[in-house]
């Protein structure tokens, strides 16, 4: 089932976008002309009655959007295959003694050596989706990889190997 989004123009104020959940709950994002945003939860019985809301600055709205997007991305990656088709998603922490610490991702030659694909790097609150070979690996990076069970085990070993 697709997600239903409704757009409502608010003349002189801005625009309201509502997401209607499968259960019928309505969550609105009001975008004001001054750049501020408001997230509102509406009464299921009256779609114009707000049960509660949170005002957000433009930066706060962007941060919340990033958080929701990252959570959705990781959820989708985690569910990819689930092993039923021989494809797994795994999150690996780059060890403090990894020989690849502070070196470009391309130096790992992960895809060639293990047959896995590194699809994202989680660094603190940031998500680096589809990292390029030039991306420098940092201490405590969480590497999101997709591959076979054997390939992911090889990648884990490759990253953990501390000798050149």
N, C-alpha and C. Protein backbone atom coordinates (compact mmCIF):
# COMPACT_ATOMS: atom_id res chain seq x y z
N UNK A 1 0.84 -1.18 0.00
CA UNK A 1 0.00 0.00 0.00
C UNK A 1 0.88 1.24 0.00
N UNK A 2 0.57 2.21 -0.85
CA UNK A 2 1.33 3.45 -0.91
C UNK A 2 0.98 4.36 0.24
N UNK A 3 1.80 5.36 0.41
CA UNK A 3 1.57 6.36 1.45
C UNK A 3 0.72 7.48 0.84
N UNK A 4 -0.30 7.88 1.56
CA UNK A 4 -1.19 8.93 1.08
C UNK A 4 -0.77 10.27 1.69
N UNK A 5 -0.45 11.23 0.82
CA UNK A 5 -0.07 12.57 1.26
C UNK A 5 -1.04 13.55 0.61
N UNK A 6 -1.59 14.43 1.44
CA UNK A 6 -2.52 15.44 0.95
C UNK A 6 -1.90 16.82 1.12
N UNK A 7 -2.06 17.67 0.11
CA UNK A 7 -1.55 19.04 0.16
C UNK A 7 -2.73 19.99 0.27
N UNK A 8 -2.62 20.92 1.22
CA UNK A 8 -3.68 21.90 1.44
C UNK A 8 -3.04 23.28 1.45
N UNK A 9 -3.40 24.13 0.50
CA UNK A 9 -2.88 25.50 0.46
C UNK A 9 -3.55 26.31 1.56
N UNK A 10 -2.75 27.11 2.26
CA UNK A 10 -3.25 28.00 3.30
C UNK A 10 -2.96 29.42 2.85
N UNK A 11 -3.87 30.06 2.13
CA UNK A 11 -3.62 31.38 1.55
C UNK A 11 -3.12 32.39 2.59
N UNK A 12 -2.00 33.04 2.25
CA UNK A 12 -1.41 34.04 3.13
C UNK A 12 -0.60 33.46 4.28
N UNK A 13 -0.65 32.15 4.46
CA UNK A 13 0.04 31.51 5.58
C UNK A 13 1.15 30.60 5.10
N UNK A 14 0.82 29.71 4.19
CA UNK A 14 1.79 28.73 3.69
C UNK A 14 1.07 27.53 3.12
N UNK A 15 1.57 26.36 3.43
CA UNK A 15 0.99 25.14 2.90
C UNK A 15 1.03 24.06 3.99
N UNK A 16 0.08 23.17 3.93
CA UNK A 16 0.01 22.05 4.88
C UNK A 16 0.05 20.76 4.09
N UNK A 17 0.93 19.86 4.49
CA UNK A 17 0.99 18.52 3.90
C UNK A 17 0.62 17.53 5.00
N UNK A 18 -0.33 16.68 4.72
CA UNK A 18 -0.77 15.67 5.68
C UNK A 18 -0.39 14.29 5.18
N UNK A 19 0.12 13.49 6.10
CA UNK A 19 0.33 12.07 5.84
C UNK A 19 -0.79 11.35 6.58
N UNK A 20 -1.49 10.52 5.85
CA UNK A 20 -2.58 9.76 6.46
C UNK A 20 -2.07 8.33 6.61
N UNK A 21 -1.99 7.87 7.86
CA UNK A 21 -1.46 6.54 8.12
C UNK A 21 -2.46 5.47 7.72
N UNK A 22 -2.00 4.26 7.66
CA UNK A 22 -2.86 3.13 7.32
C UNK A 22 -4.01 3.01 8.31
N UNK A 23 -3.76 3.40 9.57
CA UNK A 23 -4.79 3.33 10.61
C UNK A 23 -5.74 4.54 10.57
N UNK A 24 -5.47 5.49 9.65
CA UNK A 24 -6.37 6.63 9.52
C UNK A 24 -5.94 7.85 10.32
N UNK A 25 -4.80 7.78 11.01
CA UNK A 25 -4.30 8.92 11.77
C UNK A 25 -3.70 9.94 10.79
N UNK A 26 -3.94 11.20 11.06
CA UNK A 26 -3.46 12.28 10.19
C UNK A 26 -2.36 13.06 10.92
N UNK A 27 -1.18 13.13 10.27
CA UNK A 27 -0.05 13.90 10.79
C UNK A 27 0.25 14.98 9.76
N UNK A 28 0.28 16.22 10.21
CA UNK A 28 0.47 17.33 9.28
C UNK A 28 1.79 18.04 9.49
N UNK A 29 2.33 18.55 8.39
CA UNK A 29 3.50 19.43 8.44
C UNK A 29 3.05 20.75 7.83
N UNK A 30 3.02 21.77 8.64
CA UNK A 30 2.63 23.09 8.18
C UNK A 30 3.90 23.86 7.85
N UNK A 31 4.03 24.33 6.63
CA UNK A 31 5.19 25.08 6.17
C UNK A 31 4.75 26.53 6.03
N UNK A 32 5.23 27.38 6.94
CA UNK A 32 4.85 28.79 6.91
C UNK A 32 5.73 29.57 5.94
N UNK A 33 5.22 30.68 5.48
CA UNK A 33 5.94 31.50 4.52
C UNK A 33 7.27 32.02 5.07
N UNK A 34 7.39 32.14 6.41
CA UNK A 34 8.64 32.65 7.00
C UNK A 34 9.72 31.57 7.14
N UNK A 35 9.41 30.33 6.68
CA UNK A 35 10.40 29.25 6.74
C UNK A 35 10.24 28.33 7.93
N UNK A 36 9.46 28.72 8.92
CA UNK A 36 9.25 27.84 10.06
C UNK A 36 8.29 26.72 9.71
N UNK A 37 8.30 25.70 10.53
CA UNK A 37 7.46 24.54 10.30
C UNK A 37 6.76 24.18 11.61
N UNK A 38 5.68 23.45 11.46
CA UNK A 38 4.97 22.93 12.62
C UNK A 38 4.51 21.53 12.27
N UNK A 39 4.75 20.60 13.18
CA UNK A 39 4.28 19.23 13.02
C UNK A 39 3.05 19.11 13.92
N UNK A 40 1.96 18.64 13.35
CA UNK A 40 0.71 18.57 14.09
C UNK A 40 0.10 17.19 14.00
N UNK A 41 -0.56 16.78 15.07
CA UNK A 41 -1.30 15.53 15.13
C UNK A 41 -2.78 15.91 15.21
N UNK A 42 -3.57 15.40 14.26
CA UNK A 42 -4.96 15.80 14.15
C UNK A 42 -5.89 14.78 14.78
N UNK A 43 -7.05 15.28 15.19
CA UNK A 43 -8.10 14.44 15.74
C UNK A 43 -8.68 13.58 14.61
N UNK A 44 -8.69 12.25 14.78
CA UNK A 44 -9.23 11.38 13.72
C UNK A 44 -10.69 11.69 13.37
N UNK A 45 -11.45 12.23 14.33
CA UNK A 45 -12.86 12.55 14.10
C UNK A 45 -13.04 13.88 13.37
N UNK A 46 -12.05 14.79 13.50
CA UNK A 46 -12.14 16.11 12.87
C UNK A 46 -10.76 16.48 12.33
N UNK A 47 -10.54 16.31 11.02
CA UNK A 47 -9.22 16.52 10.44
C UNK A 47 -8.71 17.96 10.53
N UNK A 48 -9.54 18.90 10.99
CA UNK A 48 -9.08 20.28 11.17
C UNK A 48 -8.78 20.60 12.64
N UNK A 49 -9.07 19.68 13.56
CA UNK A 49 -8.82 19.90 14.98
C UNK A 49 -7.47 19.29 15.36
N UNK A 50 -6.59 20.14 15.86
CA UNK A 50 -5.24 19.70 16.24
C UNK A 50 -5.25 19.20 17.68
N UNK A 51 -4.77 17.96 17.87
CA UNK A 51 -4.65 17.39 19.21
C UNK A 51 -3.38 17.89 19.90
N UNK A 52 -2.35 18.14 19.12
CA UNK A 52 -1.08 18.63 19.65
C UNK A 52 -0.16 18.99 18.51
N UNK A 53 0.79 19.89 18.80
CA UNK A 53 1.72 20.29 17.74
C UNK A 53 3.05 20.69 18.35
N UNK A 54 4.07 20.72 17.49
CA UNK A 54 5.41 21.14 17.86
C UNK A 54 5.89 22.12 16.80
N UNK A 55 6.29 23.32 17.23
CA UNK A 55 6.82 24.30 16.30
C UNK A 55 8.31 24.03 16.09
N UNK A 56 8.76 24.14 14.84
CA UNK A 56 10.15 23.88 14.50
C UNK A 56 10.71 25.02 13.66
N UNK A 57 11.97 25.38 13.90
CA UNK A 57 12.64 26.31 13.00
C UNK A 57 13.00 25.55 11.74
N UNK A 58 13.47 26.25 10.73
CA UNK A 58 13.89 25.59 9.50
C UNK A 58 14.98 24.56 9.76
N UNK A 59 15.96 24.90 10.61
CA UNK A 59 17.04 23.97 10.93
C UNK A 59 16.52 22.75 11.69
N UNK A 60 15.60 22.97 12.61
CA UNK A 60 15.03 21.85 13.37
C UNK A 60 14.22 20.94 12.45
N UNK A 61 13.49 21.53 11.52
CA UNK A 61 12.71 20.73 10.57
C UNK A 61 13.64 19.90 9.70
N UNK A 62 14.75 20.49 9.26
CA UNK A 62 15.73 19.75 8.44
C UNK A 62 16.33 18.60 9.24
N UNK A 63 16.64 18.86 10.52
CA UNK A 63 17.22 17.80 11.36
C UNK A 63 16.22 16.66 11.56
N UNK A 64 14.94 16.99 11.80
CA UNK A 64 13.92 15.96 11.97
C UNK A 64 13.72 15.19 10.67
N UNK A 65 13.74 15.88 9.56
CA UNK A 65 13.62 15.22 8.26
C UNK A 65 14.77 14.26 8.03
N UNK A 66 15.98 14.71 8.35
CA UNK A 66 17.14 13.83 8.21
C UNK A 66 17.00 12.61 9.10
N UNK A 67 16.57 12.83 10.33
CA UNK A 67 16.41 11.71 11.27
C UNK A 67 15.39 10.70 10.76
N UNK A 68 14.25 11.18 10.30
CA UNK A 68 13.23 10.28 9.78
C UNK A 68 13.72 9.57 8.52
N UNK A 69 14.40 10.30 7.67
CA UNK A 69 14.93 9.70 6.43
C UNK A 69 15.98 8.65 6.72
N UNK A 70 16.87 8.94 7.67
CA UNK A 70 17.91 7.97 8.03
C UNK A 70 17.32 6.73 8.65
N UNK A 71 16.34 6.93 9.53
CA UNK A 71 15.70 5.78 10.17
C UNK A 71 14.99 4.92 9.13
N UNK A 72 14.33 5.56 8.17
CA UNK A 72 13.63 4.80 7.12
C UNK A 72 14.64 4.06 6.24
N UNK A 73 15.74 4.73 5.90
CA UNK A 73 16.76 4.10 5.07
C UNK A 73 17.33 2.87 5.76
N UNK A 74 17.69 3.02 7.04
CA UNK A 74 18.27 1.89 7.77
C UNK A 74 17.26 0.76 7.94
N UNK A 75 16.01 1.11 8.14
CA UNK A 75 14.97 0.09 8.26
C UNK A 75 14.84 -0.68 6.95
N UNK A 76 14.86 0.04 5.83
CA UNK A 76 14.75 -0.62 4.53
C UNK A 76 15.97 -1.49 4.27
N UNK A 77 17.15 -1.00 4.60
CA UNK A 77 18.37 -1.78 4.40
C UNK A 77 18.36 -3.03 5.26
N UNK A 78 17.90 -2.88 6.51
CA UNK A 78 17.86 -4.02 7.42
C UNK A 78 16.92 -5.11 6.93
N UNK A 79 15.85 -4.70 6.27
CA UNK A 79 14.87 -5.68 5.79
C UNK A 79 15.21 -6.27 4.44
N UNK A 80 16.27 -5.79 3.82
CA UNK A 80 16.63 -6.23 2.48
C UNK A 80 16.93 -7.72 2.47
N UNK A 81 16.08 -8.49 1.90
CA UNK A 81 16.34 -9.92 1.76
C UNK A 81 16.11 -10.70 3.03
N UNK A 82 16.57 -10.19 4.14
CA UNK A 82 16.43 -10.90 5.41
C UNK A 82 17.04 -12.29 5.36
N UNK A 83 17.94 -12.52 4.42
CA UNK A 83 18.58 -13.82 4.31
C UNK A 83 17.77 -14.82 3.53
N UNK A 84 16.53 -14.50 3.19
CA UNK A 84 15.70 -15.48 2.51
C UNK A 84 16.16 -15.73 1.08
N UNK A 85 16.86 -14.78 0.49
CA UNK A 85 17.37 -14.96 -0.86
C UNK A 85 18.90 -15.02 -0.86
N UNK A 86 19.47 -15.24 0.32
CA UNK A 86 20.92 -15.33 0.43
C UNK A 86 21.61 -13.99 0.51
N UNK A 87 20.84 -12.92 0.69
CA UNK A 87 21.39 -11.58 0.78
C UNK A 87 21.14 -11.04 2.18
N UNK A 88 22.18 -10.49 2.79
CA UNK A 88 22.09 -9.99 4.15
C UNK A 88 22.58 -8.55 4.22
N UNK A 89 22.10 -7.84 5.21
CA UNK A 89 22.58 -6.49 5.51
C UNK A 89 23.18 -6.55 6.91
N UNK A 90 24.35 -5.95 7.06
CA UNK A 90 25.01 -5.99 8.35
C UNK A 90 25.65 -4.65 8.64
N UNK A 91 25.72 -4.31 9.91
CA UNK A 91 26.40 -3.09 10.35
C UNK A 91 27.66 -3.50 11.10
N UNK A 92 28.78 -3.00 10.63
CA UNK A 92 30.08 -3.35 11.21
C UNK A 92 30.76 -2.09 11.73
N UNK A 93 31.29 -2.15 12.95
CA UNK A 93 32.02 -1.01 13.51
C UNK A 93 33.47 -1.11 13.07
N UNK A 94 34.00 0.00 12.56
CA UNK A 94 35.41 0.02 12.18
C UNK A 94 36.23 0.00 13.47
N UNK A 95 37.04 -1.06 13.68
CA UNK A 95 37.81 -1.17 14.93
C UNK A 95 38.88 -0.09 15.04
N UNK A 96 39.22 0.25 16.28
CA UNK A 96 40.22 1.29 16.55
C UNK A 96 41.59 0.92 16.00
N UNK A 97 41.86 -0.38 15.84
CA UNK A 97 43.18 -0.78 15.34
C UNK A 97 43.15 -1.23 13.87
N UNK A 98 42.08 -0.89 13.17
CA UNK A 98 41.97 -1.28 11.76
C UNK A 98 43.05 -0.58 10.95
N UNK A 99 43.63 -1.29 10.04
CA UNK A 99 44.66 -0.69 9.17
C UNK A 99 44.04 0.32 8.21
N UNK A 100 42.73 0.34 8.10
CA UNK A 100 42.06 1.26 7.19
C UNK A 100 41.59 2.54 7.88
N UNK A 101 41.86 2.67 9.17
CA UNK A 101 41.49 3.87 9.92
C UNK A 101 42.21 5.07 9.33
N UNK A 102 41.46 6.14 9.09
CA UNK A 102 41.99 7.38 8.51
C UNK A 102 42.52 7.20 7.09
N UNK A 103 42.03 6.19 6.40
CA UNK A 103 42.39 5.95 5.00
C UNK A 103 41.12 5.94 4.16
N UNK A 104 41.24 6.14 2.85
CA UNK A 104 40.05 6.13 1.99
C UNK A 104 39.39 4.75 1.94
N UNK A 105 38.08 4.76 1.83
CA UNK A 105 37.30 3.53 1.72
C UNK A 105 37.81 2.66 0.57
N UNK A 106 38.21 3.29 -0.52
CA UNK A 106 38.69 2.56 -1.69
C UNK A 106 39.90 1.69 -1.39
N UNK A 107 40.69 2.05 -0.37
CA UNK A 107 41.86 1.24 -0.01
C UNK A 107 41.47 -0.16 0.47
N UNK A 108 40.23 -0.30 0.94
CA UNK A 108 39.80 -1.62 1.43
C UNK A 108 39.61 -2.60 0.27
N UNK A 109 39.26 -2.09 -0.90
CA UNK A 109 38.90 -2.92 -2.06
C UNK A 109 37.86 -3.98 -1.64
N UNK A 110 36.92 -3.53 -0.80
CA UNK A 110 35.94 -4.44 -0.20
C UNK A 110 35.15 -5.24 -1.23
N UNK A 111 34.66 -4.58 -2.26
CA UNK A 111 33.84 -5.30 -3.24
C UNK A 111 34.65 -6.37 -3.96
N UNK A 112 35.88 -6.03 -4.35
CA UNK A 112 36.74 -6.97 -5.06
C UNK A 112 37.17 -8.12 -4.16
N UNK A 113 37.54 -7.80 -2.92
CA UNK A 113 38.06 -8.82 -2.00
C UNK A 113 36.99 -9.69 -1.36
N UNK A 114 35.78 -9.12 -1.16
CA UNK A 114 34.77 -9.85 -0.39
C UNK A 114 33.46 -10.08 -1.13
N UNK A 115 33.24 -9.35 -2.22
CA UNK A 115 31.98 -9.46 -2.94
C UNK A 115 30.83 -8.74 -2.27
N UNK A 116 31.13 -7.91 -1.27
CA UNK A 116 30.07 -7.15 -0.58
C UNK A 116 30.06 -5.72 -1.08
N UNK A 117 28.97 -5.03 -0.82
CA UNK A 117 28.86 -3.61 -1.16
C UNK A 117 28.65 -2.81 0.11
N UNK A 118 29.47 -1.80 0.29
CA UNK A 118 29.29 -0.88 1.42
C UNK A 118 28.32 0.19 0.93
N UNK A 119 27.13 0.20 1.51
CA UNK A 119 26.06 1.06 1.03
C UNK A 119 25.91 2.35 1.83
N UNK A 120 26.48 2.38 3.03
CA UNK A 120 26.39 3.59 3.86
C UNK A 120 27.42 3.53 4.97
N UNK A 121 27.75 4.70 5.47
CA UNK A 121 28.59 4.82 6.66
C UNK A 121 27.82 5.72 7.63
N UNK A 122 27.64 5.24 8.85
CA UNK A 122 27.00 6.05 9.89
C UNK A 122 28.12 6.63 10.75
N UNK A 123 28.16 7.94 10.82
CA UNK A 123 29.22 8.63 11.56
C UNK A 123 28.54 9.60 12.51
N UNK A 124 28.48 9.22 13.78
CA UNK A 124 27.76 10.05 14.73
C UNK A 124 26.31 10.14 14.32
N UNK A 125 25.83 11.36 14.12
CA UNK A 125 24.44 11.57 13.71
C UNK A 125 24.29 11.63 12.19
N UNK A 126 25.41 11.54 11.48
CA UNK A 126 25.37 11.67 10.02
C UNK A 126 25.30 10.30 9.35
N UNK A 127 24.63 10.27 8.21
CA UNK A 127 24.60 9.09 7.36
C UNK A 127 25.23 9.48 6.03
N UNK A 128 26.25 8.75 5.65
CA UNK A 128 26.88 8.94 4.36
C UNK A 128 26.38 7.80 3.48
N UNK A 129 25.37 8.11 2.68
CA UNK A 129 24.77 7.09 1.81
C UNK A 129 25.62 6.95 0.56
N UNK A 130 25.77 5.74 0.08
CA UNK A 130 26.57 5.46 -1.12
C UNK A 130 27.92 6.15 -1.08
N UNK A 131 28.74 5.83 -0.06
CA UNK A 131 30.03 6.52 0.06
C UNK A 131 30.93 6.24 -1.15
N UNK A 132 31.69 7.24 -1.53
CA UNK A 132 32.62 7.09 -2.65
C UNK A 132 33.91 6.44 -2.15
N UNK A 133 34.72 5.92 -3.06
CA UNK A 133 36.00 5.33 -2.65
C UNK A 133 36.91 6.34 -1.95
N UNK A 134 36.69 7.64 -2.16
CA UNK A 134 37.53 8.67 -1.54
C UNK A 134 37.14 8.98 -0.09
N UNK A 135 35.99 8.46 0.37
CA UNK A 135 35.52 8.74 1.74
C UNK A 135 36.54 8.19 2.74
N UNK A 136 37.01 9.05 3.64
CA UNK A 136 37.99 8.65 4.65
C UNK A 136 37.28 7.95 5.80
N UNK A 137 37.76 6.77 6.16
CA UNK A 137 37.18 6.00 7.27
C UNK A 137 37.68 6.57 8.59
N UNK A 138 36.77 6.73 9.54
CA UNK A 138 37.08 7.34 10.84
C UNK A 138 36.78 6.37 11.98
N UNK A 139 37.41 6.65 13.12
CA UNK A 139 37.21 5.84 14.32
C UNK A 139 35.72 5.78 14.66
N UNK A 140 35.23 4.61 14.97
CA UNK A 140 33.84 4.36 15.36
C UNK A 140 32.84 4.50 14.22
N UNK A 141 33.29 4.58 12.96
CA UNK A 141 32.35 4.54 11.85
C UNK A 141 31.58 3.23 11.90
N UNK A 142 30.30 3.31 11.64
CA UNK A 142 29.47 2.12 11.53
C UNK A 142 29.24 1.91 10.03
N UNK A 143 29.74 0.81 9.52
CA UNK A 143 29.69 0.53 8.09
C UNK A 143 28.50 -0.39 7.80
N UNK A 144 27.63 0.05 6.90
CA UNK A 144 26.47 -0.74 6.51
C UNK A 144 26.81 -1.40 5.18
N UNK A 145 26.79 -2.73 5.18
CA UNK A 145 27.18 -3.49 3.99
C UNK A 145 26.11 -4.51 3.64
N UNK A 146 26.05 -4.84 2.36
CA UNK A 146 25.11 -5.83 1.85
C UNK A 146 25.90 -6.88 1.10
N UNK A 147 25.57 -8.15 1.36
CA UNK A 147 26.25 -9.23 0.66
C UNK A 147 25.81 -10.58 1.17
N UNK A 148 26.52 -11.61 0.75
CA UNK A 148 26.23 -12.96 1.24
C UNK A 148 26.79 -13.09 2.65
N UNK A 149 26.38 -14.12 3.35
CA UNK A 149 26.89 -14.36 4.70
C UNK A 149 28.42 -14.50 4.66
N UNK A 150 28.91 -15.29 3.71
CA UNK A 150 30.35 -15.50 3.57
C UNK A 150 31.08 -14.19 3.26
N UNK A 151 30.52 -13.39 2.36
CA UNK A 151 31.15 -12.12 2.00
C UNK A 151 31.20 -11.15 3.16
N UNK A 152 30.13 -11.09 3.95
CA UNK A 152 30.10 -10.18 5.10
C UNK A 152 31.09 -10.62 6.17
N UNK A 153 31.24 -11.94 6.35
CA UNK A 153 32.25 -12.44 7.29
C UNK A 153 33.65 -12.05 6.82
N UNK A 154 33.89 -12.13 5.51
CA UNK A 154 35.20 -11.73 4.95
C UNK A 154 35.43 -10.23 5.16
N UNK A 155 34.39 -9.43 4.97
CA UNK A 155 34.52 -7.99 5.16
C UNK A 155 34.84 -7.67 6.61
N UNK A 156 34.15 -8.32 7.53
CA UNK A 156 34.41 -8.12 8.96
C UNK A 156 35.87 -8.43 9.28
N UNK A 157 36.36 -9.52 8.75
CA UNK A 157 37.75 -9.92 8.97
C UNK A 157 38.71 -8.92 8.33
N UNK A 158 38.40 -8.47 7.12
CA UNK A 158 39.24 -7.51 6.41
C UNK A 158 39.37 -6.21 7.19
N UNK A 159 38.26 -5.69 7.69
CA UNK A 159 38.28 -4.44 8.43
C UNK A 159 38.98 -4.58 9.78
N UNK A 160 38.85 -5.75 10.40
CA UNK A 160 39.42 -5.97 11.73
C UNK A 160 40.90 -6.29 11.66
N UNK A 161 41.39 -6.70 10.51
CA UNK A 161 42.81 -7.06 10.38
C UNK A 161 43.65 -5.82 10.57
N UNK A 162 44.50 -5.82 11.60
CA UNK A 162 45.25 -4.61 11.95
C UNK A 162 46.63 -4.53 11.29
N UNK A 163 47.08 -5.56 10.62
CA UNK A 163 48.40 -5.51 10.00
C UNK A 163 48.29 -5.20 8.53
N UNK A 164 49.31 -4.51 8.01
CA UNK A 164 49.32 -4.14 6.60
C UNK A 164 49.69 -5.31 5.74
